[in-house]
Amino acid sequence: MAFHDFDALRDALADAEFDRPPAFVANAHVTGVSVARALDAHGVPVVALDRSGDGAAPPSNAVDYAGRVTYPLDDEAGFREDVEELAAQLDHEPVAFGCMDEWALAFAETEPEGVRLPFADSETMDAVLDKSSLYETCEELGVPYPETYRLSEVDPADAADELGFPLVVKPARKREFEEAVGTNVIEVADREEYLDVVEMAQETGIEVMAQEKVPVARGEDHSLASYVPEDGDPLAVVGNARVRAPLGYGTSCVVERVDRPEIEERALSVIEDAGYHGISEAEFVYDRDRDEFVLLDVNTRPWKWISMPVQAGANLPMAAYADATGADYDPDPTRDARWVSLEDYLPLLAGGELADVLSTDDWTALVSGDFETSGDLTTAVYRPSDPAPIVHRLDVEFGGRDYYCSC
């Protein structure tokens, strides 16, 4: 699948014939290809949108068209104009799936004409994404969360005195912080480092918080993967991020479905109290000192390992699409599921940083491709039935090109 410039994409969509509403999936990397595959499994046409063609999704056989639109953090009005112009070429109103915060928020905030949005409005989304308001909700509901101080409300020195070092500095809204410093959390070891980060945040106008460094039990991070409809029962699966890269705090690379009713109950209480409907991931870590799970964050969009709940029988993207369009979708019975991102997991094994959590049978299934038709294992990008995305990833990585996505 070619990655078109905007004009070529517009012209291609004008000539396209879809028998149902397509999905606009943005951005078009690991999460995007996962959403595309989940929808394609039910015959939904997919248009992948991004500012670059170097993500994993554009060459996938689950993607019908792919092309460039204005990046919303560069020009939100331009993003809206592009999306509206693309939608105007179609016979059916497309359904939007934002796969990173800035894309999801851009859809919600600009509300492009002629585009269906299968999630809550921007005000509700902001209340969930903003950690200050999120933790206020946690306080009211009795859901544990890390000790946190909003530095716009307390003296930074007083917050540091209460928390001690090391501590972490986080933004109220993480994406603008990522754009400024390249990460969404900074651990500081002493007062000098801490004050440097606070000064940087003040100079850039980013609201930040000082938070305790939670004594996390490694391998015990749990998240609720859910789709909450405007009316009706939520569709939800709990995942355990068994391995992260780097170990302990990095991106998820092995996730398995588990039964944790307390995680589901706490997460849904926060989501429903906020009035949010749509796809979301509520992230918990296990605090060794408190001996309980604490809520860190809620992502109001699809995320990197969304293929795991699909494998477990809960196709969250299809559930959202069905509600937006009136299409039929019934989830399968819940079953065991595991997900691995080989791009992140293999370097850990090669570096001798952990014992392999996959069995010989797992590796045989992965290499042969049998995992696609049997067993409980699924993957992030690599799939022999859809090889172009992993080939494209290798080309980008070894070709010296750079594609930034925090997933």
Protein backbone atom coordinates (compact mmCIF):
# COMPACT_ATOMS: atom_id res chain seq x y z
CA MET A 1 0.00 0.00 0.00
CA ALA A 2 1.46 3.35 -1.09
CA PHE A 3 1.56 6.24 1.38
CA HIS A 4 0.01 9.17 -0.49
CA ASP A 5 0.53 12.85 -0.07
CA PHE A 6 -2.68 14.65 0.88
CA ASP A 7 -3.83 15.53 -2.62
CA ALA A 8 -3.26 12.00 -3.91
CA LEU A 9 -5.08 10.53 -0.91
CA ARG A 10 -8.04 12.85 -1.46
CA ASP A 11 -8.22 11.86 -5.13
CA ALA A 12 -7.93 8.16 -4.30
CA LEU A 13 -10.79 8.36 -1.80
CA ALA A 14 -12.92 10.23 -4.32
CA ASP A 15 -12.60 7.23 -6.64
CA ALA A 16 -13.03 4.62 -3.90
CA GLU A 17 -16.20 2.63 -3.44
CA PHE A 18 -16.96 1.38 0.08
CA ASP A 19 -20.02 -0.65 0.99
CA ARG A 20 -19.88 0.58 4.59
CA PRO A 21 -18.33 3.45 6.55
CA PRO A 22 -14.53 3.29 6.58
CA ALA A 23 -12.42 3.94 9.65
CA PHE A 24 -9.98 6.86 9.81
CA VAL A 25 -7.09 5.54 11.93
CA ALA A 26 -4.47 8.06 13.09
CA ASN A 27 -1.58 7.78 13.69
CA ALA A 28 -0.42 4.82 11.65
CA HIS A 29 2.12 2.95 13.75
CA VAL A 30 1.96 -0.09 16.07
CA THR A 31 -1.37 0.84 17.64
CA GLY A 32 -2.72 1.91 14.27
CA VAL A 33 -1.90 -1.39 12.57
CA SER A 34 -3.47 -3.25 15.49
CA VAL A 35 -6.70 -1.25 15.20
CA ALA A 36 -6.68 -1.73 11.43
CA ARG A 37 -6.32 -5.50 11.76
CA ALA A 38 -9.09 -5.66 14.37
CA LEU A 39 -11.48 -3.81 12.07
CA ASP A 40 -10.38 -5.56 8.89
CA ALA A 41 -11.24 -8.90 10.52
CA HIS A 42 -14.88 -7.76 10.31
CA GLY A 43 -14.66 -6.36 6.79
CA VAL A 44 -14.31 -2.68 7.80
CA PRO A 45 -12.29 -0.63 5.29
CA VAL A 46 -9.45 1.36 6.86
CA VAL A 47 -7.82 4.66 5.89
CA ALA A 48 -4.56 5.21 7.79
CA LEU A 49 -3.62 8.85 8.43
CA ASP A 50 -0.29 10.22 9.63
CA ARG A 51 2.27 12.93 9.08
CA SER A 52 4.80 10.35 7.84
CA GLY A 53 4.67 7.07 5.99
CA ASP A 54 7.33 5.48 8.17
CA GLY A 55 4.94 3.97 10.73
CA ALA A 56 4.08 0.27 10.73
CA ALA A 57 0.50 0.52 9.47
CA PRO A 58 0.54 1.99 5.92
CA PRO A 59 1.79 -1.14 4.08
CA SER A 60 -0.50 -3.54 5.99
CA ASN A 61 -3.00 -5.56 3.97
CA ALA A 62 -5.56 -4.47 6.60
CA VAL A 63 -5.24 -0.88 5.31
CA ASP A 64 -7.11 0.15 2.16
CA TYR A 65 -5.60 3.63 1.79
CA ALA A 66 -2.90 5.55 3.63
CA GLY A 67 -1.70 9.11 3.42
CA ARG A 68 -0.54 12.35 4.93
CA VAL A 69 -2.64 14.85 6.83
CA THR A 70 -1.61 17.93 8.79
CA TYR A 71 -0.19 17.03 12.19
CA PRO A 72 -2.62 18.42 14.78
CA LEU A 73 0.07 19.74 17.13
CA ASP A 74 1.46 21.79 14.25
CA ASP A 75 -1.88 23.14 12.98
CA GLU A 76 -5.11 21.91 14.56
CA ALA A 77 -7.30 23.90 12.19
CA GLY A 78 -5.37 22.50 9.24
CA PHE A 79 -5.87 18.99 10.60
CA ARG A 80 -9.62 19.54 10.79
CA GLU A 81 -9.75 20.94 7.25
CA ASP A 82 -7.82 17.95 5.90
CA VAL A 83 -10.04 15.40 7.67
CA GLU A 84 -13.22 17.14 6.56
CA GLU A 85 -12.03 17.29 2.97
CA LEU A 86 -11.22 13.58 2.99
CA ALA A 87 -14.57 12.71 4.57
CA ALA A 88 -16.37 14.77 1.93
CA GLN A 89 -15.06 12.41 -0.78
CA LEU A 90 -16.87 9.42 0.74
CA ASP A 91 -20.39 8.04 0.41
CA HIS A 92 -20.40 7.04 4.12
CA GLU A 93 -19.36 9.07 7.16
CA PRO A 94 -16.07 7.59 8.44
CA VAL A 95 -15.46 6.56 12.05
CA ALA A 96 -12.41 8.14 13.74
CA PHE A 97 -9.87 6.24 15.83
CA GLY A 98 -7.12 8.39 17.38
CA CYS A 99 -4.21 6.18 18.42
CA MET A 100 -2.13 8.72 20.35
CA ASP A 101 -3.28 11.49 22.67
CA GLU A 102 -2.74 14.34 20.23
CA TRP A 103 -4.68 12.60 17.44
CA ALA A 104 -7.53 11.48 19.72
CA LEU A 105 -7.79 14.94 21.26
CA ALA A 106 -7.66 16.60 17.84
CA PHE A 107 -10.66 14.57 16.67
CA ALA A 108 -12.52 15.36 19.90
CA GLU A 109 -11.65 19.07 20.04
CA THR A 110 -12.19 19.94 16.36
CA GLU A 111 -15.19 17.63 15.77
CA PRO A 112 -14.64 17.42 12.00
CA GLU A 113 -17.88 17.67 10.04
CA GLY A 114 -18.99 14.41 8.47
CA VAL A 115 -16.91 12.22 10.81
CA ARG A 116 -18.33 9.92 13.50
CA LEU A 117 -16.58 10.07 16.88
CA PRO A 118 -17.02 6.88 18.95
CA PHE A 119 -15.93 8.48 22.21
CA ALA A 120 -16.85 11.23 24.69
CA ASP A 121 -16.47 14.94 23.99
CA SER A 122 -13.21 16.80 24.54
CA GLU A 123 -14.21 18.25 27.91
CA THR A 124 -14.90 14.79 29.31
CA MET A 125 -11.75 13.40 27.71
CA ASP A 126 -9.68 16.22 29.20
CA ALA A 127 -11.05 15.50 32.68
CA VAL A 128 -9.77 11.93 32.40
CA LEU A 129 -6.44 12.68 30.72
CA ASP A 130 -5.59 15.53 33.12
CA LYS A 131 -3.99 13.74 36.06
CA SER A 132 -4.96 16.49 38.47
CA SER A 133 -8.68 15.97 37.88
CA LEU A 134 -8.19 12.21 37.52
CA TYR A 135 -6.65 11.97 40.98
CA GLU A 136 -9.38 14.17 42.44
CA THR A 137 -11.87 11.60 41.16
CA CYS A 138 -9.77 8.80 42.67
CA GLU A 139 -9.80 10.61 46.02
CA GLU A 140 -13.59 10.90 45.95
CA LEU A 141 -14.07 7.24 45.02
CA GLY A 142 -11.45 5.80 47.34
CA VAL A 143 -9.31 4.46 44.48
CA PRO A 144 -5.62 4.45 45.57
CA TYR A 145 -3.24 6.64 43.60
CA PRO A 146 0.35 7.88 44.13
CA GLU A 147 1.00 10.77 46.49
CA THR A 148 1.01 13.75 44.15
CA TYR A 149 1.39 17.53 44.40
CA ARG A 150 0.23 19.96 41.73
CA LEU A 151 3.06 22.47 41.52
CA SER A 152 0.75 25.27 40.43
CA GLU A 153 -0.92 24.97 43.83
CA VAL A 154 1.96 24.22 46.21
CA ASP A 155 5.50 25.46 46.55
CA PRO A 156 7.79 23.05 44.64
CA ALA A 157 10.25 23.03 47.54
CA ASP A 158 7.50 22.05 49.99
CA ALA A 159 6.35 19.24 47.68
CA ALA A 160 9.90 17.89 47.49
CA ASP A 161 10.21 18.02 51.27
CA GLU A 162 7.05 15.94 51.62
CA LEU A 163 8.01 13.37 49.01
CA GLY A 164 11.75 13.09 49.46
CA PHE A 165 14.15 11.96 46.74
CA PRO A 166 14.12 10.30 44.32
CA LEU A 167 10.76 11.48 43.02
CA VAL A 168 9.15 11.82 39.61
CA VAL A 169 7.88 14.87 37.75
CA LYS A 170 4.91 14.34 35.45
CA PRO A 171 2.80 16.68 33.34
CA ALA A 172 -0.90 17.11 33.95
CA ARG A 173 -1.25 16.33 30.22
CA LYS A 174 1.58 14.15 29.05
CA ARG A 175 1.73 14.73 25.28
CA GLU A 176 2.79 18.38 25.42
CA PHE A 177 5.50 17.35 27.91
CA GLU A 178 6.67 14.60 25.56
CA GLU A 179 6.96 17.11 22.73
CA ALA A 180 9.10 19.39 24.92
CA VAL A 181 11.43 16.86 26.56
CA GLY A 182 10.99 13.56 24.72
CA THR A 183 9.37 11.63 27.57
CA ASN A 184 6.23 11.78 29.71
CA VAL A 185 7.94 11.30 33.07
CA ILE A 186 11.26 12.38 34.54
CA GLU A 187 12.80 10.77 37.61
CA VAL A 188 14.96 13.19 39.59
CA ALA A 189 17.54 12.10 42.14
CA ASP A 190 18.14 15.35 44.00
CA ARG A 191 16.90 18.89 44.53
CA GLU A 192 19.10 20.43 41.84
CA GLU A 193 17.76 18.12 39.12
CA TYR A 194 14.24 18.66 40.39
CA LEU A 195 14.41 22.45 40.29
CA ASP A 196 15.89 22.34 36.77
CA VAL A 197 12.90 20.34 35.53
CA VAL A 198 10.43 22.63 37.33
CA GLU A 199 12.09 25.70 35.79
CA MET A 200 11.93 24.14 32.32
CA ALA A 201 8.21 23.42 32.78
CA GLN A 202 7.54 26.97 33.93
CA GLU A 203 9.42 28.43 30.96
CA THR A 204 7.43 26.30 28.49
CA GLY A 205 4.10 26.90 30.24
CA ILE A 206 3.51 23.20 30.97
CA GLU A 207 1.68 22.32 34.17
CA VAL A 208 3.54 19.64 36.08
CA MET A 209 3.15 17.63 39.25
CA ALA A 210 5.62 16.14 41.71
CA GLN A 211 4.82 12.54 42.53
CA GLU A 212 6.24 9.88 44.79
CA LYS A 213 8.38 7.25 43.14
CA VAL A 214 6.14 4.27 43.76
CA PRO A 215 8.03 1.18 44.97
CA VAL A 216 6.68 -0.90 42.11
CA ALA A 217 6.61 -4.69 42.15
CA ARG A 218 8.16 -5.54 38.79
CA GLY A 219 5.99 -7.65 36.53
CA GLU A 220 2.80 -6.76 38.41
CA ASP A 221 1.56 -3.82 36.32
CA HIS A 222 -2.10 -4.35 35.42
CA SER A 223 -4.45 -2.44 33.13
CA LEU A 224 -8.13 -2.55 32.34
CA ALA A 225 -8.68 -2.61 28.60
CA SER A 226 -12.26 -1.52 27.97
CA TYR A 227 -14.88 -0.15 25.68
CA VAL A 228 -17.61 1.67 27.61
CA PRO A 229 -20.67 2.47 25.47
CA GLU A 230 -22.94 5.45 26.04
CA ASP A 231 -25.63 2.96 26.99
CA GLY A 232 -25.19 -0.65 27.96
CA ASP A 233 -22.58 -2.82 29.62
CA PRO A 234 -18.85 -2.26 29.20
CA LEU A 235 -16.66 -4.73 27.33
CA ALA A 236 -13.51 -5.22 29.41
CA VAL A 237 -10.40 -7.38 29.82
CA VAL A 238 -7.62 -7.07 32.41
CA GLY A 239 -4.04 -7.37 31.15
CA ASN A 240 -0.84 -7.94 33.12
CA ALA A 241 2.25 -6.29 31.60
CA ARG A 242 4.52 -9.15 32.60
CA VAL A 243 7.59 -7.70 30.88
CA ARG A 244 8.51 -4.12 30.04
CA ALA A 245 11.45 -2.74 28.11
CA PRO A 246 13.46 -1.32 29.77
CA LEU A 247 12.64 -3.69 32.60
CA GLY A 248 10.30 -2.38 35.26
CA TYR A 249 9.17 0.90 33.75
CA GLY A 250 9.45 0.92 29.96
CA THR A 251 7.06 0.06 27.17
CA SER A 252 5.02 -3.12 27.47
CA CYS A 253 6.44 -6.04 25.50
CA VAL A 254 4.71 -9.11 26.99
CA VAL A 255 1.11 -8.80 28.24
CA GLU A 256 -1.24 -11.58 29.27
CA ARG A 257 -4.94 -11.68 30.17
CA VAL A 258 -5.66 -12.24 33.86
CA ASP A 259 -8.66 -12.29 36.18
CA ARG A 260 -8.47 -9.29 38.51
CA PRO A 261 -12.01 -8.22 39.46
CA GLU A 262 -10.74 -5.47 41.77
CA ILE A 263 -8.85 -3.80 38.91
CA GLU A 264 -11.94 -3.91 36.70
CA GLU A 265 -14.18 -2.53 39.45
CA ARG A 266 -11.87 0.35 40.37
CA ALA A 267 -11.12 1.34 36.79
CA LEU A 268 -14.73 1.30 35.69
CA SER A 269 -15.78 3.33 38.72
CA VAL A 270 -13.36 6.11 37.70
CA ILE A 271 -14.27 5.96 33.99
CA GLU A 272 -18.01 5.94 34.61
CA ASP A 273 -17.85 8.67 37.27
CA ALA A 274 -16.08 10.91 34.75
CA GLY A 275 -18.85 10.24 32.22
CA TYR A 276 -16.39 8.90 29.66
CA HIS A 277 -17.53 6.54 26.93
CA GLY A 278 -15.25 4.98 24.35
CA ILE A 279 -12.10 2.86 24.30
CA SER A 280 -9.69 3.32 27.20
CA GLU A 281 -6.83 1.75 29.14
CA ALA A 282 -6.61 2.31 32.92
CA GLU A 283 -3.07 1.64 34.17
CA PHE A 284 -2.31 0.33 37.66
CA VAL A 285 0.98 -0.59 39.33
CA TYR A 286 1.44 -2.66 42.47
CA ASP A 287 2.85 -0.63 45.36
CA ARG A 288 5.00 -2.94 47.52
CA ASP A 289 4.84 -0.66 50.55
CA ARG A 290 1.08 -0.17 50.48
CA ASP A 291 0.54 -3.78 49.40
CA GLU A 292 -2.10 -2.73 46.87
CA PHE A 293 -2.63 -1.52 43.32
CA VAL A 294 -2.56 2.24 42.63
CA LEU A 295 -3.95 3.96 39.54
CA LEU A 296 -1.37 5.86 37.50
CA ASP A 297 -3.14 6.91 34.35
CA VAL A 298 -6.09 6.45 31.99
CA ASN A 299 -5.54 6.55 28.22
CA THR A 300 -8.75 7.52 26.42
CA ARG A 301 -7.88 5.83 23.13
CA PRO A 302 -6.49 2.59 21.72
CA TRP A 303 -2.94 1.75 22.84
CA LYS A 304 -0.04 -0.48 21.88
CA TRP A 305 -1.27 -3.91 23.06
CA ILE A 306 -4.93 -3.54 22.06
CA SER A 307 -4.54 -6.75 20.03
CA MET A 308 -4.46 -8.69 23.32
CA PRO A 309 -8.12 -8.05 24.26
CA VAL A 310 -9.02 -8.77 20.62
CA GLN A 311 -7.29 -12.14 20.97
CA ALA A 312 -9.14 -12.63 24.28
CA GLY A 313 -12.50 -12.25 22.52
CA ALA A 314 -13.12 -8.54 23.15
CA ASN A 315 -12.60 -6.65 19.89
CA LEU A 316 -12.77 -3.15 21.35
CA PRO A 317 -12.30 -1.27 18.05
CA MET A 318 -15.09 -3.27 16.43
CA ALA A 319 -17.38 -2.70 19.41
CA ALA A 320 -16.82 1.05 19.10
CA TYR A 321 -17.32 0.95 15.33
CA ALA A 322 -20.54 -1.06 15.68
CA ASP A 323 -22.02 1.42 18.14
CA ALA A 324 -21.10 4.35 15.89
CA THR A 325 -22.56 2.82 12.73
CA GLY A 326 -25.25 0.39 13.84
CA ALA A 327 -23.26 -2.58 12.53
CA ASP A 328 -23.61 -5.99 14.17
CA TYR A 329 -20.96 -7.16 16.61
CA ASP A 330 -21.11 -9.72 19.40
CA PRO A 331 -17.97 -10.34 21.47
CA ASP A 332 -16.67 -13.87 21.74
CA PRO A 333 -16.52 -15.69 25.07
CA THR A 334 -13.52 -14.52 27.08
CA ARG A 335 -10.48 -16.75 26.63
CA ASP A 336 -6.80 -16.77 27.57
CA ALA A 337 -4.61 -14.44 25.54
CA ARG A 338 -0.99 -13.30 25.46
CA TRP A 339 0.62 -10.54 23.39
CA VAL A 340 4.27 -9.95 22.56
CA SER A 341 6.09 -7.12 20.85
CA LEU A 342 9.10 -8.91 19.38
CA GLU A 343 10.72 -5.60 18.46
CA ASP A 344 10.98 -4.77 22.17
CA TYR A 345 11.28 -8.25 23.66
CA LEU A 346 14.12 -9.71 21.55
CA PRO A 347 16.70 -7.04 22.57
CA LEU A 348 16.02 -7.83 26.25
CA LEU A 349 16.70 -11.51 25.63
CA ALA A 350 19.77 -10.77 23.52
CA GLY A 351 21.16 -8.58 26.31
CA GLY A 352 20.69 -11.29 28.91
CA GLU A 353 18.46 -9.02 30.98
CA LEU A 354 15.81 -11.62 31.82
CA ALA A 355 14.88 -15.24 31.52
CA ASP A 356 12.68 -16.03 28.53
CA VAL A 357 8.99 -16.09 29.51
CA LEU A 358 8.02 -17.76 26.22
CA SER A 359 8.23 -21.51 25.78
CA THR A 360 9.80 -23.52 22.96
CA ASP A 361 6.28 -24.22 21.71
CA ASP A 362 5.60 -20.48 21.67
CA TRP A 363 8.69 -19.79 19.58
CA THR A 364 7.83 -22.63 17.22
CA ALA A 365 4.36 -21.16 16.75
CA LEU A 366 5.81 -17.70 16.16
CA VAL A 367 8.39 -18.80 13.61
CA SER A 368 6.00 -21.09 11.75
CA GLY A 369 3.12 -18.64 11.86
CA ASP A 370 0.85 -21.21 13.53
CA PHE A 371 0.10 -18.71 16.33
CA GLU A 372 -2.22 -16.89 13.93
CA THR A 373 -4.64 -19.80 13.74
CA SER A 374 -4.25 -21.62 17.05
CA GLY A 375 -3.22 -21.04 20.65
CA ASP A 376 -3.51 -17.92 22.79
CA LEU A 377 -0.55 -15.91 21.48
CA THR A 378 -0.71 -12.77 19.32
CA THR A 379 1.80 -10.12 18.31
CA ALA A 380 2.25 -6.38 17.89
CA VAL A 381 3.49 -6.05 14.30
CA TYR A 382 4.99 -9.34 13.10
CA ARG A 383 2.46 -11.61 11.37
CA PRO A 384 3.39 -13.91 8.47
CA SER A 385 -0.06 -13.44 6.92
CA ASP A 386 0.58 -9.67 6.83
CA PRO A 387 4.37 -9.38 6.45
CA ALA A 388 4.69 -5.87 5.00
CA PRO A 389 4.46 -3.96 8.33
CA ILE A 390 7.43 -5.78 9.91
CA VAL A 391 9.41 -5.55 6.67
CA HIS A 392 8.70 -1.82 6.62
CA ARG A 393 9.80 -1.49 10.27
CA LEU A 394 13.11 -3.17 9.46
CA ASP A 395 13.59 -0.89 6.46
CA VAL A 396 12.94 2.23 8.57
CA GLU A 397 15.16 1.07 11.45
CA PHE A 398 18.12 -0.02 9.34
CA GLY A 399 17.67 2.73 6.80
CA GLY A 400 18.48 5.42 9.35
CA ARG A 401 15.08 7.05 9.19
CA ASP A 402 13.36 8.28 12.32
CA TYR A 403 9.72 7.77 13.24
CA TYR A 404 8.73 9.01 16.68
CA CYS A 405 5.86 7.39 18.52
CA SER A 406 5.86 6.78 22.27
CA CYS A 407 4.04 3.49 21.73
